[in-house]
Amino acid sequence: MARLRELKDTLKRYQAMETHILTGGEEYTVGNTPHRMPPLRVVQRKIKELEKRINRVEGRQRRVAGVDLSLPGGSA
């Protein structure tokens, strides 16, 4: 459960980064120091990867939740 939460938190951060890039560009300055965000395509690729991982973890949790572990061999 904690792993799923971590994946979802990371996904939210990447989605926020995507929004920032789309609305403000890949470059920004803090004080006098310029910073550069990763390219948009890299961020979008990571978002897709995280979404797939989240779907796999949620799918596993649903399958495990449907098994009655109190019976020998379990039952679906």
C-alpha atoms as a PDB file:
ATOM      1  CA  MET A   1       0.000   0.000   0.000  1.00  0.00           C
ATOM      2  CA  ALA A   2       2.844   2.376   0.817  1.00  0.00           C
ATOM      3  CA  ARG A   3       4.444   1.585  -2.553  1.00  0.00           C
ATOM      4  CA  LEU A   4       1.257   2.548  -4.383  1.00  0.00           C
ATOM      5  CA  ARG A   5       1.057   5.810  -2.442  1.00  0.00           C
ATOM      6  CA  GLU A   6       4.684   6.613  -3.335  1.00  0.00           C
ATOM      7  CA  LEU A   7       4.011   5.952  -7.020  1.00  0.00           C
ATOM      8  CA  LYS A   8       0.928   8.178  -6.977  1.00  0.00           C
ATOM      9  CA  ASP A   9       2.812  10.968  -5.175  1.00  0.00           C
ATOM     10  CA  THR A  10       5.610  10.765  -7.739  1.00  0.00           C
ATOM     11  CA  LEU A  11       3.062  10.828 -10.566  1.00  0.00           C
ATOM     12  CA  LYS A  12       1.510  14.003  -9.119  1.00  0.00           C
ATOM     13  CA  ARG A  13       4.926  15.674  -9.010  1.00  0.00           C
ATOM     14  CA  TYR A  14       5.624  14.766 -12.629  1.00  0.00           C
ATOM     15  CA  GLN A  15       2.181  15.999 -13.674  1.00  0.00           C
ATOM     16  CA  ALA A  16       2.864  19.297 -11.900  1.00  0.00           C
ATOM     17  CA  MET A  17       6.211  19.512 -13.690  1.00  0.00           C
ATOM     18  CA  GLU A  18       4.469  18.873 -17.018  1.00  0.00           C
ATOM     19  CA  THR A  19       1.990  21.675 -16.299  1.00  0.00           C
ATOM     20  CA  HIS A  20       4.827  24.016 -15.346  1.00  0.00           C
ATOM     21  CA  ILE A  21       6.698  23.255 -18.564  1.00  0.00           C
ATOM     22  CA  LEU A  22       3.569  23.707 -20.683  1.00  0.00           C
ATOM     23  CA  THR A  23       2.619  27.016 -19.059  1.00  0.00           C
ATOM     24  CA  GLY A  24       5.987  28.518 -18.136  1.00  0.00           C
ATOM     25  CA  GLY A  25       8.584  26.805 -20.266  1.00  0.00           C
ATOM     26  CA  GLU A  26      11.533  24.591 -19.454  1.00  0.00           C
ATOM     27  CA  GLU A  27      13.738  27.345 -18.028  1.00  0.00           C
ATOM     28  CA  TYR A  28      13.338  29.375 -14.854  1.00  0.00           C
ATOM     29  CA  THR A  29      15.508  31.430 -12.511  1.00  0.00           C
ATOM     30  CA  VAL A  30      15.803  31.330  -8.738  1.00  0.00           C
ATOM     31  CA  GLY A  31      17.626  34.427  -7.584  1.00  0.00           C
ATOM     32  CA  ASN A  32      20.418  34.834 -10.108  1.00  0.00           C
ATOM     33  CA  THR A  33      20.720  31.116 -10.816  1.00  0.00           C
ATOM     34  CA  PRO A  34      19.146  29.784 -14.010  1.00  0.00           C
ATOM     35  CA  HIS A  35      17.598  26.302 -13.899  1.00  0.00           C
ATOM     36  CA  ARG A  36      16.336  24.037 -16.634  1.00  0.00           C
ATOM     37  CA  MET A  37      13.524  21.505 -16.399  1.00  0.00           C
ATOM     38  CA  PRO A  38      13.852  18.189 -18.205  1.00  0.00           C
ATOM     39  CA  PRO A  39      12.516  18.193 -21.768  1.00  0.00           C
ATOM     40  CA  LEU A  40       8.728  17.839 -21.989  1.00  0.00           C
ATOM     41  CA  ARG A  41       8.975  14.520 -23.861  1.00  0.00           C
ATOM     42  CA  VAL A  42      11.054  13.030 -21.014  1.00  0.00           C
ATOM     43  CA  VAL A  43       8.510  14.127 -18.407  1.00  0.00           C
ATOM     44  CA  GLN A  44       5.588  12.791 -20.466  1.00  0.00           C
ATOM     45  CA  ARG A  45       7.364   9.459 -20.961  1.00  0.00           C
ATOM     46  CA  LYS A  46       7.887   9.170 -17.195  1.00  0.00           C
ATOM     47  CA  ILE A  47       4.203   9.979 -16.573  1.00  0.00           C
ATOM     48  CA  LYS A  48       3.153   7.124 -18.879  1.00  0.00           C
ATOM     49  CA  GLU A  49       5.599   4.768 -17.167  1.00  0.00           C
ATOM     50  CA  LEU A  50       4.286   5.690 -13.720  1.00  0.00           C
ATOM     51  CA  GLU A  51       0.658   5.269 -14.849  1.00  0.00           C
ATOM     52  CA  LYS A  52       1.463   1.752 -16.119  1.00  0.00           C
ATOM     53  CA  ARG A  53       3.223   0.855 -12.865  1.00  0.00           C
ATOM     54  CA  ILE A  54       0.301   2.169 -10.805  1.00  0.00           C
ATOM     55  CA  ASN A  55      -2.165   0.144 -12.904  1.00  0.00           C
ATOM     56  CA  ARG A  56      -0.085  -3.022 -12.390  1.00  0.00           C
ATOM     57  CA  VAL A  57       0.114  -2.513  -8.620  1.00  0.00           C
ATOM     58  CA  GLU A  58      -3.611  -1.739  -8.358  1.00  0.00           C
ATOM     59  CA  GLY A  59      -4.395  -4.792 -10.489  1.00  0.00           C
ATOM     60  CA  ARG A  60      -2.327  -7.010  -8.211  1.00  0.00           C
ATOM     61  CA  GLN A  61      -4.063  -5.605  -5.140  1.00  0.00           C
ATOM     62  CA  ARG A  62      -7.490  -6.281  -6.684  1.00  0.00           C
ATOM     63  CA  ARG A  63      -6.527  -9.884  -7.503  1.00  0.00           C
ATOM     64  CA  VAL A  64      -5.175 -10.487  -4.001  1.00  0.00           C
ATOM     65  CA  ALA A  65      -8.235  -8.857  -2.435  1.00  0.00           C
ATOM     66  CA  GLY A  66     -10.486 -11.298  -4.359  1.00  0.00           C
ATOM     67  CA  VAL A  67      -8.805 -14.385  -2.850  1.00  0.00           C
ATOM     68  CA  ASP A  68     -10.041 -15.900   0.406  1.00  0.00           C
ATOM     69  CA  LEU A  69      -6.779 -16.824   2.090  1.00  0.00           C
ATOM     70  CA  SER A  70      -8.552 -18.555   4.994  1.00  0.00           C
ATOM     71  CA  LEU A  71      -9.275 -21.618   2.823  1.00  0.00           C
ATOM     72  CA  PRO A  72      -6.515 -24.007   1.804  1.00  0.00           C
ATOM     73  CA  GLY A  73      -5.465 -22.998  -1.683  1.00  0.00           C
ATOM     74  CA  GLY A  74      -7.727 -19.940  -1.516  1.00  0.00           C
ATOM     75  CA  SER A  75     -10.733 -19.371  -3.736  1.00  0.00           C
ATOM     76  CA  ALA A  76     -11.649 -16.582  -6.107  1.00  0.00           C
END
